[in-house]
C-alpha atoms as a PDB file:
ATOM      1  CA  UNK A   1      74.713 -72.036  17.650  1.00  0.00           C
ATOM      2  CA  UNK A   2      74.849 -72.419  21.409  1.00  0.00           C
ATOM      3  CA  UNK A   3      76.297 -68.920  21.716  1.00  0.00           C
ATOM      4  CA  UNK A   4      73.418 -67.483  19.728  1.00  0.00           C
ATOM      5  CA  UNK A   5      70.867 -69.265  21.909  1.00  0.00           C
ATOM      6  CA  UNK A   6      72.486 -67.766  24.997  1.00  0.00           C
ATOM      7  CA  UNK A   7      72.043 -64.284  23.564  1.00  0.00           C
ATOM      8  CA  UNK A   8      68.260 -64.652  23.019  1.00  0.00           C
ATOM      9  CA  UNK A   9      67.259 -64.210  26.666  1.00  0.00           C
ATOM     10  CA  UNK A  10      69.476 -61.177  26.906  1.00  0.00           C
ATOM     11  CA  UNK A  11      67.811 -59.675  23.832  1.00  0.00           C
ATOM     12  CA  UNK A  12      64.360 -60.491  25.154  1.00  0.00           C
ATOM     13  CA  UNK A  13      65.140 -58.862  28.448  1.00  0.00           C
ATOM     14  CA  UNK A  14      66.373 -55.724  26.659  1.00  0.00           C
ATOM     15  CA  UNK A  15      63.226 -55.606  24.558  1.00  0.00           C
ATOM     16  CA  UNK A  16      61.031 -56.056  27.615  1.00  0.00           C
ATOM     17  CA  UNK A  17      62.843 -53.286  29.448  1.00  0.00           C
ATOM     18  CA  UNK A  18      62.338 -50.995  26.444  1.00  0.00           C
ATOM     19  CA  UNK A  19      58.630 -51.805  26.329  1.00  0.00           C
ATOM     20  CA  UNK A  20      58.320 -51.114  30.058  1.00  0.00           C
ATOM     21  CA  UNK A  21      59.921 -47.698  29.598  1.00  0.00           C
ATOM     22  CA  UNK A  22      57.554 -46.888  26.725  1.00  0.00           C
ATOM     23  CA  UNK A  23      54.529 -47.897  28.774  1.00  0.00           C
ATOM     24  CA  UNK A  24      55.754 -45.788  31.663  1.00  0.00           C
ATOM     25  CA  UNK A  25      56.174 -42.782  29.405  1.00  0.00           C
ATOM     26  CA  UNK A  26      52.742 -43.306  27.865  1.00  0.00           C
ATOM     27  CA  UNK A  27      51.135 -43.376  31.291  1.00  0.00           C
ATOM     28  CA  UNK A  28      52.823 -40.124  32.252  1.00  0.00           C
ATOM     29  CA  UNK A  29      52.051 -38.416  28.959  1.00  0.00           C
ATOM     30  CA  UNK A  30      48.383 -39.351  28.967  1.00  0.00           C
ATOM     31  CA  UNK A  31      47.868 -38.008  32.483  1.00  0.00           C
ATOM     32  CA  UNK A  32      49.549 -34.685  31.857  1.00  0.00           C
ATOM     33  CA  UNK A  33      48.675 -33.965  28.206  1.00  0.00           C
ATOM     34  CA  UNK A  34      44.934 -34.480  28.475  1.00  0.00           C
ATOM     35  CA  UNK A  35      44.555 -31.767  31.143  1.00  0.00           C
ATOM     36  CA  UNK A  36      45.228 -28.815  28.778  1.00  0.00           C
ATOM     37  CA  UNK A  37      43.266 -30.519  26.025  1.00  0.00           C
ATOM     38  CA  UNK A  38      40.244 -30.929  28.261  1.00  0.00           C
ATOM     39  CA  UNK A  39      40.670 -27.378  29.550  1.00  0.00           C
ATOM     40  CA  UNK A  40      40.721 -25.988  25.995  1.00  0.00           C
ATOM     41  CA  UNK A  41      37.716 -28.055  24.980  1.00  0.00           C
ATOM     42  CA  UNK A  42      35.802 -26.904  28.031  1.00  0.00           C
ATOM     43  CA  UNK A  43      36.695 -23.281  27.313  1.00  0.00           C
ATOM     44  CA  UNK A  44      35.469 -23.611  23.738  1.00  0.00           C
ATOM     45  CA  UNK A  45      32.252 -25.244  24.913  1.00  0.00           C
ATOM     46  CA  UNK A  46      31.623 -22.465  27.447  1.00  0.00           C
ATOM     47  CA  UNK A  47      32.314 -19.815  24.787  1.00  0.00           C
ATOM     48  CA  UNK A  48      29.838 -21.430  22.371  1.00  0.00           C
ATOM     49  CA  UNK A  49      27.126 -21.711  25.022  1.00  0.00           C
ATOM     50  CA  UNK A  50      27.731 -18.119  26.108  1.00  0.00           C
ATOM     51  CA  UNK A  51      27.497 -16.882  22.510  1.00  0.00           C
ATOM     52  CA  UNK A  52      24.268 -18.776  21.914  1.00  0.00           C
ATOM     53  CA  UNK A  53      22.772 -17.462  25.141  1.00  0.00           C
ATOM     54  CA  UNK A  54      23.793 -13.918  24.276  1.00  0.00           C
ATOM     55  CA  UNK A  55      22.223 -14.308  20.819  1.00  0.00           C
ATOM     56  CA  UNK A  56      19.000 -15.570  22.368  1.00  0.00           C
ATOM     57  CA  UNK A  57      18.987 -12.682  24.843  1.00  0.00           C
ATOM     58  CA  UNK A  58      19.517 -10.227  21.962  1.00  0.00           C
ATOM     59  CA  UNK A  59      16.695 -11.820  19.963  1.00  0.00           C
ATOM     60  CA  UNK A  60      14.396 -11.598  22.974  1.00  0.00           C
ATOM     61  CA  UNK A  61      15.384  -7.958  23.480  1.00  0.00           C
ATOM     62  CA  UNK A  62      14.694  -7.129  19.831  1.00  0.00           C
ATOM     63  CA  UNK A  63      11.362  -8.951  19.974  1.00  0.00           C
ATOM     64  CA  UNK A  64      10.436  -7.060  23.129  1.00  0.00           C
ATOM     65  CA  UNK A  65      11.430  -3.750  21.555  1.00  0.00           C
ATOM     66  CA  UNK A  66       9.335  -4.590  18.488  1.00  0.00           C
ATOM     67  CA  UNK A  67       6.333  -5.429  20.641  1.00  0.00           C
ATOM     68  CA  UNK A  68       6.768  -2.201  22.573  1.00  0.00           C
ATOM     69  CA  UNK A  69       6.881  -0.255  19.300  1.00  0.00           C
ATOM     70  CA  UNK A  70       3.710  -1.945  18.024  1.00  0.00           C
ATOM     71  CA  UNK A  71       1.996  -1.317  21.344  1.00  0.00           C
ATOM     72  CA  UNK A  72       3.035   2.342  21.285  1.00  0.00           C
ATOM     73  CA  UNK A  73       1.706   2.707  17.722  1.00  0.00           C
ATOM     74  CA  UNK A  74      -1.565   1.052  18.660  1.00  0.00           C
ATOM     75  CA  UNK A  75      -1.878   3.331  21.665  1.00  0.00           C
ATOM     76  CA  UNK A  76      -1.204   6.343  19.453  1.00  0.00           C
ATOM     77  CA  UNK A  77      -3.840   5.140  16.966  1.00  0.00           C
ATOM     78  CA  UNK A  78      -6.349   4.643  19.792  1.00  0.00           C
ATOM     79  CA  UNK A  79      -5.670   8.130  21.164  1.00  0.00           C
ATOM     80  CA  UNK A  80      -6.091   9.605  17.689  1.00  0.00           C
ATOM     81  CA  UNK A  81      -9.368   7.754  17.149  1.00  0.00           C
ATOM     82  CA  UNK A  82     -10.739   8.964  20.492  1.00  0.00           C
ATOM     83  CA  UNK A  83      -9.720  12.558  19.773  1.00  0.00           C
ATOM     84  CA  UNK A  84     -11.279  12.533  16.298  1.00  0.00           C
ATOM     85  CA  UNK A  85     -14.424  10.888  17.661  1.00  0.00           C
ATOM     86  CA  UNK A  86     -14.812  13.683  20.225  1.00  0.00           C
ATOM     87  CA  UNK A  87     -14.555  16.239  17.413  1.00  0.00           C
ATOM     88  CA  UNK A  88     -16.903  14.329  15.118  1.00  0.00           C
ATOM     89  CA  UNK A  89     -19.843  13.629  17.415  1.00  0.00           C
ATOM     90  CA  UNK A  90     -20.797  17.301  17.922  1.00  0.00           C
ATOM     91  CA  UNK A  91     -20.515  17.914  14.169  1.00  0.00           C
ATOM     92  CA  UNK A  92     -23.022  15.214  13.216  1.00  0.00           C
ATOM     93  CA  UNK A  93     -26.263  17.020  12.447  1.00  0.00           C
ATOM     94  CA  UNK A  94     -24.646  20.376  13.242  1.00  0.00           C
ATOM     95  CA  UNK A  95     -25.596  23.553  11.390  1.00  0.00           C
ATOM     96  CA  UNK A  96     -21.985  24.705  11.487  1.00  0.00           C
ATOM     97  CA  UNK A  97     -21.227  23.979   7.843  1.00  0.00           C
ATOM     98  CA  UNK A  98     -17.681  25.315   8.023  1.00  0.00           C
ATOM     99  CA  UNK A  99     -16.763  23.010  10.885  1.00  0.00           C
ATOM    100  CA  UNK A 100     -18.378  20.065   9.127  1.00  0.00           C
ATOM    101  CA  UNK A 101     -16.343  20.638   5.968  1.00  0.00           C
ATOM    102  CA  UNK A 102     -13.121  21.040   7.922  1.00  0.00           C
ATOM    103  CA  UNK A 103     -13.879  17.784   9.685  1.00  0.00           C
ATOM    104  CA  UNK A 104     -14.598  16.034   6.384  1.00  0.00           C
ATOM    105  CA  UNK A 105     -11.262  17.194   5.005  1.00  0.00           C
ATOM    106  CA  UNK A 106      -9.525  15.873   8.119  1.00  0.00           C
ATOM    107  CA  UNK A 107     -11.266  12.501   7.870  1.00  0.00           C
ATOM    108  CA  UNK A 108     -10.404  12.211   4.172  1.00  0.00           C
ATOM    109  CA  UNK A 109      -6.748  12.914   4.927  1.00  0.00           C
ATOM    110  CA  UNK A 110      -6.611  10.501   7.854  1.00  0.00           C
ATOM    111  CA  UNK A 111      -8.373   7.716   5.975  1.00  0.00           C
ATOM    112  CA  UNK A 112      -5.998   8.178   3.049  1.00  0.00           C
ATOM    113  CA  UNK A 113      -2.969   7.876   5.330  1.00  0.00           C
ATOM    114  CA  UNK A 114      -4.196   4.516   6.651  1.00  0.00           C
ATOM    115  CA  UNK A 115      -5.566   3.174   3.371  1.00  0.00           C
ATOM    116  CA  UNK A 116      -3.915  -0.028   2.230  1.00  0.00           C
ATOM    117  CA  UNK A 117      -2.199  -0.651   5.579  1.00  0.00           C
ATOM    118  CA  UNK A 118      -3.556  -4.098   6.324  1.00  0.00           C
ATOM    119  CA  UNK A 119      -2.378  -4.202   9.937  1.00  0.00           C
ATOM    120  CA  UNK A 120      -4.245  -0.982  10.693  1.00  0.00           C
ATOM    121  CA  UNK A 121      -7.375  -1.663   8.678  1.00  0.00           C
ATOM    122  CA  UNK A 122      -9.532  -1.231  11.769  1.00  0.00           C
ATOM    123  CA  UNK A 123      -8.350   2.379  12.035  1.00  0.00           C
ATOM    124  CA  UNK A 124      -9.072   2.973   8.346  1.00  0.00           C
ATOM    125  CA  UNK A 125     -12.570   1.527   8.733  1.00  0.00           C
ATOM    126  CA  UNK A 126     -13.126   3.721  11.781  1.00  0.00           C
ATOM    127  CA  UNK A 127     -12.507   6.903   9.797  1.00  0.00           C
ATOM    128  CA  UNK A 128     -14.690   5.626   6.948  1.00  0.00           C
ATOM    129  CA  UNK A 129     -17.518   5.065   9.424  1.00  0.00           C
ATOM    130  CA  UNK A 130     -17.141   8.568  10.823  1.00  0.00           C
ATOM    131  CA  UNK A 131     -17.237  10.061   7.324  1.00  0.00           C
ATOM    132  CA  UNK A 132     -20.428   8.151   6.564  1.00  0.00           C
ATOM    133  CA  UNK A 133     -21.948   9.330   9.851  1.00  0.00           C
ATOM    134  CA  UNK A 134     -21.142  12.962   9.060  1.00  0.00           C
ATOM    135  CA  UNK A 135     -22.670  12.641   5.595  1.00  0.00           C
ATOM    136  CA  UNK A 136     -25.811  10.941   6.847  1.00  0.00           C
ATOM    137  CA  UNK A 137     -26.300  13.645   9.463  1.00  0.00           C
ATOM    138  CA  UNK A 138     -26.249  16.514   6.986  1.00  0.00           C
ATOM    139  CA  UNK A 139     -28.726  17.753   4.406  1.00  0.00           C
ATOM    140  CA  UNK A 140     -26.165  19.994   2.702  1.00  0.00           C
ATOM    141  CA  UNK A 141     -25.482  18.967  -0.892  1.00  0.00           C
ATOM    142  CA  UNK A 142     -21.781  19.916  -0.750  1.00  0.00           C
ATOM    143  CA  UNK A 143     -21.277  17.786   2.373  1.00  0.00           C
ATOM    144  CA  UNK A 144     -22.954  14.835   0.684  1.00  0.00           C
ATOM    145  CA  UNK A 145     -20.956  15.348  -2.514  1.00  0.00           C
ATOM    146  CA  UNK A 146     -17.733  15.418  -0.525  1.00  0.00           C
ATOM    147  CA  UNK A 147     -18.787  12.310   1.381  1.00  0.00           C
ATOM    148  CA  UNK A 148     -19.638  10.411  -1.788  1.00  0.00           C
ATOM    149  CA  UNK A 149     -16.177  11.159  -3.133  1.00  0.00           C
ATOM    150  CA  UNK A 150     -14.460  10.213   0.143  1.00  0.00           C
ATOM    151  CA  UNK A 151     -16.249   6.877   0.393  1.00  0.00           C
ATOM    152  CA  UNK A 152     -15.486   6.105  -3.210  1.00  0.00           C
ATOM    153  CA  UNK A 153     -11.818   6.918  -2.594  1.00  0.00           C
ATOM    154  CA  UNK A 154     -11.872   4.376   0.217  1.00  0.00           C
ATOM    155  CA  UNK A 155     -13.316   1.764  -2.171  1.00  0.00           C
ATOM    156  CA  UNK A 156     -16.449   1.377  -0.082  1.00  0.00           C
ATOM    157  CA  UNK A 157     -18.843  -0.977  -1.929  1.00  0.00           C
ATOM    158  CA  UNK A 158     -21.786   0.532  -3.790  1.00  0.00           C
ATOM    159  CA  UNK A 159     -24.458  -0.699  -1.373  1.00  0.00           C
ATOM    160  CA  UNK A 160     -22.688   1.013   1.528  1.00  0.00           C
ATOM    161  CA  UNK A 161     -22.741   4.294  -0.360  1.00  0.00           C
ATOM    162  CA  UNK A 162     -26.489   4.174  -0.971  1.00  0.00           C
ATOM    163  CA  UNK A 163     -27.186   6.663   1.814  1.00  0.00           C
ATOM    164  CA  UNK A 164     -25.072   9.307   0.097  1.00  0.00           C
ATOM    165  CA  UNK A 165     -26.327   8.709  -3.417  1.00  0.00           C
ATOM    166  CA  UNK A 166     -28.439  11.843  -3.214  1.00  0.00           C
ATOM    167  CA  UNK A 167     -25.197  13.813  -3.248  1.00  0.00           C
ATOM    168  CA  UNK A 168     -25.377  13.727  -7.008  1.00  0.00           C
ATOM    169  CA  UNK A 169     -28.679  15.550  -7.153  1.00  0.00           C
ATOM    170  CA  UNK A 170     -26.913  18.845  -6.646  1.00  0.00           C
ATOM    171  CA  UNK A 171     -24.222  18.080  -9.197  1.00  0.00           C
ATOM    172  CA  UNK A 172     -26.392  16.559 -11.915  1.00  0.00           C
ATOM    173  CA  UNK A 173     -25.918  19.626 -14.076  1.00  0.00           C
ATOM    174  CA  UNK A 174     -22.160  19.230 -13.760  1.00  0.00           C
ATOM    175  CA  UNK A 175     -22.106  15.578 -14.772  1.00  0.00           C
ATOM    176  CA  UNK A 176     -20.611  15.021 -18.232  1.00  0.00           C
ATOM    177  CA  UNK A 177     -23.293  14.813 -20.880  1.00  0.00           C
ATOM    178  CA  UNK A 178     -23.730  11.436 -22.599  1.00  0.00           C
ATOM    179  CA  UNK A 179     -21.198  10.841 -25.308  1.00  0.00           C
ATOM    180  CA  UNK A 180     -22.569  11.732 -28.715  1.00  0.00           C
ATOM    181  CA  UNK A 181     -23.631   9.026 -31.135  1.00  0.00           C
ATOM    182  CA  UNK A 182     -20.554   9.746 -33.252  1.00  0.00           C
ATOM    183  CA  UNK A 183     -18.388   8.896 -30.267  1.00  0.00           C
ATOM    184  CA  UNK A 184     -20.164   6.122 -28.353  1.00  0.00           C
ATOM    185  CA  UNK A 185     -19.228   5.455 -24.762  1.00  0.00           C
ATOM    186  CA  UNK A 186     -16.796   2.629 -24.171  1.00  0.00           C
ATOM    187  CA  UNK A 187     -18.420  -0.794 -24.317  1.00  0.00           C
ATOM    188  CA  UNK A 188     -18.767  -2.664 -21.033  1.00  0.00           C
ATOM    189  CA  UNK A 189     -15.718  -4.595 -20.024  1.00  0.00           C
ATOM    190  CA  UNK A 190     -16.012  -7.800 -18.009  1.00  0.00           C
ATOM    191  CA  UNK A 191     -15.290  -7.774 -14.323  1.00  0.00           C
ATOM    192  CA  UNK A 192     -12.392 -10.058 -13.580  1.00  0.00           C
ATOM    193  CA  UNK A 193     -12.622 -12.488 -10.727  1.00  0.00           C
ATOM    194  CA  UNK A 194      -9.424 -13.547  -8.909  1.00  0.00           C
ATOM    195  CA  UNK A 195      -9.206 -16.387 -11.389  1.00  0.00           C
ATOM    196  CA  UNK A 196      -9.611 -14.050 -14.351  1.00  0.00           C
ATOM    197  CA  UNK A 197     -13.054 -15.349 -15.303  1.00  0.00           C
ATOM    198  CA  UNK A 198     -15.499 -12.739 -16.663  1.00  0.00           C
ATOM    199  CA  UNK A 199     -18.301 -12.163 -14.176  1.00  0.00           C
ATOM    200  CA  UNK A 200     -20.309  -9.031 -14.962  1.00  0.00           C
ATOM    201  CA  UNK A 201     -20.302  -5.978 -17.240  1.00  0.00           C
ATOM    202  CA  UNK A 202     -19.033  -2.554 -16.262  1.00  0.00           C
ATOM    203  CA  UNK A 203     -21.443  -0.456 -14.289  1.00  0.00           C
ATOM    204  CA  UNK A 204     -22.371   3.141 -13.582  1.00  0.00           C
ATOM    205  CA  UNK A 205     -22.240   3.186  -9.810  1.00  0.00           C
ATOM    206  CA  UNK A 206     -24.230   5.294  -7.360  1.00  0.00           C
ATOM    207  CA  UNK A 207     -21.813   8.221  -7.454  1.00  0.00           C
ATOM    208  CA  UNK A 208     -22.149   8.415 -11.257  1.00  0.00           C
ATOM    209  CA  UNK A 209     -18.585   7.253 -11.700  1.00  0.00           C
ATOM    210  CA  UNK A 210     -18.055   5.208 -14.848  1.00  0.00           C
ATOM    211  CA  UNK A 211     -16.200   2.036 -13.966  1.00  0.00           C
ATOM    212  CA  UNK A 212     -14.545  -0.523 -16.231  1.00  0.00           C
ATOM    213  CA  UNK A 213     -13.082  -3.491 -14.432  1.00  0.00           C
ATOM    214  CA  UNK A 214      -9.995  -5.028 -15.995  1.00  0.00           C
ATOM    215  CA  UNK A 215      -7.154  -7.352 -15.185  1.00  0.00           C
ATOM    216  CA  UNK A 216      -6.599  -7.999 -11.506  1.00  0.00           C
ATOM    217  CA  UNK A 217      -2.859  -7.856 -12.239  1.00  0.00           C
ATOM    218  CA  UNK A 218      -2.902  -4.599 -14.202  1.00  0.00           C
ATOM    219  CA  UNK A 219      -2.434  -0.977 -13.182  1.00  0.00           C
ATOM    220  CA  UNK A 220      -5.522   0.987 -12.103  1.00  0.00           C
ATOM    221  CA  UNK A 221      -6.200   4.480 -13.458  1.00  0.00           C
ATOM    222  CA  UNK A 222      -8.616   7.173 -12.285  1.00  0.00           C
ATOM    223  CA  UNK A 223      -9.513   9.954 -14.713  1.00  0.00           C
ATOM    224  CA  UNK A 224     -10.915  12.946 -12.805  1.00  0.00           C
ATOM    225  CA  UNK A 225     -12.732  15.920 -14.253  1.00  0.00           C
ATOM    226  CA  UNK A 226     -13.209  18.927 -12.035  1.00  0.00           C
ATOM    227  CA  UNK A 227     -16.698  20.006 -11.052  1.00  0.00           C
ATOM    228  CA  UNK A 228     -17.371  23.218 -12.948  1.00  0.00           C
ATOM    229  CA  UNK A 229     -15.229  22.262 -15.962  1.00  0.00           C
ATOM    230  CA  UNK A 230     -16.533  23.363 -19.343  1.00  0.00           C
ATOM    231  CA  UNK A 231     -17.704  20.957 -22.015  1.00  0.00           C
ATOM    232  CA  UNK A 232     -14.361  21.052 -23.796  1.00  0.00           C
ATOM    233  CA  UNK A 233     -12.537  19.801 -20.718  1.00  0.00           C
ATOM    234  CA  UNK A 234     -15.195  17.181 -20.068  1.00  0.00           C
ATOM    235  CA  UNK A 235     -14.692  15.935 -23.617  1.00  0.00           C
ATOM    236  CA  UNK A 236     -10.947  15.643 -22.937  1.00  0.00           C
ATOM    237  CA  UNK A 237     -11.641  13.610 -19.801  1.00  0.00           C
ATOM    238  CA  UNK A 238     -13.972  11.301 -21.692  1.00  0.00           C
ATOM    239  CA  UNK A 239     -11.441  10.930 -24.503  1.00  0.00           C
ATOM    240  CA  UNK A 240      -8.676  10.056 -22.062  1.00  0.00           C
ATOM    241  CA  UNK A 241     -10.915   7.443 -20.488  1.00  0.00           C
ATOM    242  CA  UNK A 242     -11.804   6.082 -23.940  1.00  0.00           C
ATOM    243  CA  UNK A 243      -8.112   5.916 -24.890  1.00  0.00           C
ATOM    244  CA  UNK A 244      -7.378   3.796 -21.855  1.00  0.00           C
ATOM    245  CA  UNK A 245     -10.490   1.679 -22.425  1.00  0.00           C
ATOM    246  CA  UNK A 246      -9.296   0.922 -25.964  1.00  0.00           C
ATOM    247  CA  UNK A 247      -5.999  -0.336 -24.551  1.00  0.00           C
ATOM    248  CA  UNK A 248      -7.415  -2.138 -21.563  1.00  0.00           C
ATOM    249  CA  UNK A 249      -7.655  -5.638 -22.948  1.00  0.00           C
ATOM    250  CA  UNK A 250      -4.563  -5.639 -25.153  1.00  0.00           C
ATOM    251  CA  UNK A 251      -2.281  -4.061 -22.534  1.00  0.00           C
ATOM    252  CA  UNK A 252      -3.767  -5.830 -19.535  1.00  0.00           C
ATOM    253  CA  UNK A 253      -4.856  -2.660 -17.753  1.00  0.00           C
ATOM    254  CA  UNK A 254      -6.656  -2.891 -14.440  1.00  0.00           C
ATOM    255  CA  UNK A 255      -9.709  -0.967 -13.239  1.00  0.00           C
ATOM    256  CA  UNK A 256     -10.511   2.292 -15.041  1.00  0.00           C
ATOM    257  CA  UNK A 257     -12.737   4.996 -13.536  1.00  0.00           C
ATOM    258  CA  UNK A 258     -14.043   8.279 -14.927  1.00  0.00           C
ATOM    259  CA  UNK A 259     -14.864  10.410 -11.896  1.00  0.00           C
ATOM    260  CA  UNK A 260     -15.917  13.906 -10.929  1.00  0.00           C
ATOM    261  CA  UNK A 261     -13.688  15.796  -8.491  1.00  0.00           C
ATOM    262  CA  UNK A 262     -16.082  17.910  -6.393  1.00  0.00           C
ATOM    263  CA  UNK A 263     -15.137  21.540  -5.786  1.00  0.00           C
ATOM    264  CA  UNK A 264     -15.359  20.945  -2.050  1.00  0.00           C
ATOM    265  CA  UNK A 265     -12.710  18.218  -2.310  1.00  0.00           C
ATOM    266  CA  UNK A 266     -10.483  20.159  -4.690  1.00  0.00           C
ATOM    267  CA  UNK A 267     -10.353  22.978  -2.150  1.00  0.00           C
ATOM    268  CA  UNK A 268      -8.639  20.672   0.346  1.00  0.00           C
ATOM    269  CA  UNK A 269      -4.874  20.735   0.742  1.00  0.00           C
ATOM    270  CA  UNK A 270      -3.358  17.870  -1.186  1.00  0.00           C
ATOM    271  CA  UNK A 271      -5.708  18.340  -4.121  1.00  0.00           C
ATOM    272  CA  UNK A 272      -6.091  21.950  -5.327  1.00  0.00           C
ATOM    273  CA  UNK A 273      -5.699  20.785  -8.908  1.00  0.00           C
ATOM    274  CA  UNK A 274      -5.508  23.182 -11.843  1.00  0.00           C
ATOM    275  CA  UNK A 275      -4.979  22.318 -15.468  1.00  0.00           C
ATOM    276  CA  UNK A 276      -4.114  18.900 -16.816  1.00  0.00           C
ATOM    277  CA  UNK A 277      -2.136  16.861 -14.327  1.00  0.00           C
ATOM    278  CA  UNK A 278      -0.776  13.358 -14.071  1.00  0.00           C
ATOM    279  CA  UNK A 279       0.030  12.633 -10.448  1.00  0.00           C
ATOM    280  CA  UNK A 280       2.696  10.095  -9.672  1.00  0.00           C
ATOM    281  CA  UNK A 281       4.761   8.830  -6.804  1.00  0.00           C
ATOM    282  CA  UNK A 282       8.552   8.999  -7.391  1.00  0.00           C
ATOM    283  CA  UNK A 283       8.767   5.219  -7.692  1.00  0.00           C
ATOM    284  CA  UNK A 284       6.238   5.154 -10.543  1.00  0.00           C
ATOM    285  CA  UNK A 285       8.159   7.250 -13.084  1.00  0.00           C
ATOM    286  CA  UNK A 286       8.350   4.617 -15.824  1.00  0.00           C
ATOM    287  CA  UNK A 287       4.660   3.784 -15.717  1.00  0.00           C
ATOM    288  CA  UNK A 288       3.753   7.495 -15.564  1.00  0.00           C
ATOM    289  CA  UNK A 289       5.864   8.226 -18.647  1.00  0.00           C
ATOM    290  CA  UNK A 290       4.176   5.400 -20.531  1.00  0.00           C
ATOM    291  CA  UNK A 291       0.745   6.703 -19.522  1.00  0.00           C
ATOM    292  CA  UNK A 292       1.618  10.244 -20.586  1.00  0.00           C
ATOM    293  CA  UNK A 293       2.604   8.952 -24.012  1.00  0.00           C
ATOM    294  CA  UNK A 294      -0.833   7.373 -24.390  1.00  0.00           C
ATOM    295  CA  UNK A 295      -2.957  10.329 -23.323  1.00  0.00           C
ATOM    296  CA  UNK A 296      -0.988  13.431 -24.372  1.00  0.00           C
ATOM    297  CA  UNK A 297      -2.317  13.381 -27.967  1.00  0.00           C
ATOM    298  CA  UNK A 298      -5.842  13.731 -26.558  1.00  0.00           C
ATOM    299  CA  UNK A 299      -4.849  16.821 -24.569  1.00  0.00           C
ATOM    300  CA  UNK A 300      -3.402  18.839 -27.445  1.00  0.00           C
ATOM    301  CA  UNK A 301      -6.743  20.552 -28.094  1.00  0.00           C
ATOM    302  CA  UNK A 302      -6.666  22.332 -24.724  1.00  0.00           C
ATOM    303  CA  UNK A 303      -3.004  22.096 -23.640  1.00  0.00           C
ATOM    304  CA  UNK A 304      -0.249  21.913 -26.283  1.00  0.00           C
ATOM    305  CA  UNK A 305       2.192  20.761 -23.605  1.00  0.00           C
ATOM    306  CA  UNK A 306       0.010  17.850 -22.681  1.00  0.00           C
ATOM    307  CA  UNK A 307      -0.339  16.589 -19.132  1.00  0.00           C
ATOM    308  CA  UNK A 308       2.028  17.942 -16.492  1.00  0.00           C
ATOM    309  CA  UNK A 309       3.585  15.695 -13.878  1.00  0.00           C
ATOM    310  CA  UNK A 310       2.844  16.425 -10.227  1.00  0.00           C
ATOM    311  CA  UNK A 311       4.172  14.503  -7.258  1.00  0.00           C
ATOM    312  CA  UNK A 312       1.594  12.543  -5.318  1.00  0.00           C
ATOM    313  CA  UNK A 313       1.883  11.613  -1.676  1.00  0.00           C
ATOM    314  CA  UNK A 314      -0.201   8.490  -2.253  1.00  0.00           C
ATOM    315  CA  UNK A 315       1.743   5.248  -2.306  1.00  0.00           C
ATOM    316  CA  UNK A 316      -1.008   2.945  -3.477  1.00  0.00           C
ATOM    317  CA  UNK A 317       0.552   0.159  -5.544  1.00  0.00           C
ATOM    318  CA  UNK A 318      -0.176  -0.037  -9.270  1.00  0.00           C
ATOM    319  CA  UNK A 319      -2.270   3.140  -9.302  1.00  0.00           C
ATOM    320  CA  UNK A 320      -2.056   6.499 -11.100  1.00  0.00           C
ATOM    321  CA  UNK A 321      -4.477   9.420 -11.253  1.00  0.00           C
ATOM    322  CA  UNK A 322      -5.193  11.841 -14.100  1.00  0.00           C
ATOM    323  CA  UNK A 323      -6.884  15.232 -13.638  1.00  0.00           C
ATOM    324  CA  UNK A 324      -8.625  17.407 -16.205  1.00  0.00           C
ATOM    325  CA  UNK A 325      -9.467  20.775 -14.660  1.00  0.00           C
ATOM    326  CA  UNK A 326      -9.711  24.448 -15.614  1.00  0.00           C
ATOM    327  CA  UNK A 327      -6.440  26.322 -15.877  1.00  0.00           C
ATOM    328  CA  UNK A 328      -4.765  24.236 -18.584  1.00  0.00           C
ATOM    329  CA  UNK A 329      -2.020  25.995 -20.552  1.00  0.00           C
END
């Protein structure tokens, strides 16, 4: 027992020496090992900060480029407006009918290219105002007829078209005759408010266009008949309109309009319609095919092949146009 007690201090001393060596090693390891760890962590931190800063710089560059593009477009629009204004002012009240009609065609084309572009609505309104000024400054019936059509295309409210209402005086003889008693005109359809609540009956607006308001979520259709069309073609146009009117409520169709296409407008590039046409944008094929199926039976009397598809440059959403003009085969 005494021998064992003598060995205890020796064992304790050995243990203490071992612990001292471990502590010494730990102190050395901690000093040396944390240097590369800290260096790596710092490198990673710098890389992350650099990446974030580069991303922010790239975002700022893209934003600046976008603002420069918008500014350049606005400058181009302003230059165009000034140039057109300089051409328009001398034409207002001018006796040069040819120049006036060329200018009207230009304004119609320009307004159409800006129509529906919300960010450039001020430019669209500018061209509408110029068209109205040209019309108001002329006593020529063809100029007024063209202007009435152009303002209606731009969806200018009725009261703003009052000054060009006399355009129809010259085309009264070309306006479709009232539908016979055996085929009454379509009954008025309610105007739909944004909430879908009926507000007012359909109206015959100042340009003699027959309008039936429908669902605010449905597709809109314009049925045009060419000025100078014979009674048979006018009957086809009315029948097409009636066909759509009969479907309006059940199929949730939008606004329907039966409109005259003045000869002065049809002479302009982009129109020049002959025969029975259904104009569509390439992304509206399905809706155009459905529409053709509805209205082709009406066309058989004048065109066994029905309505022919033509590509339209207009990209107005939920809209298709139908034309009934001489030259159908």
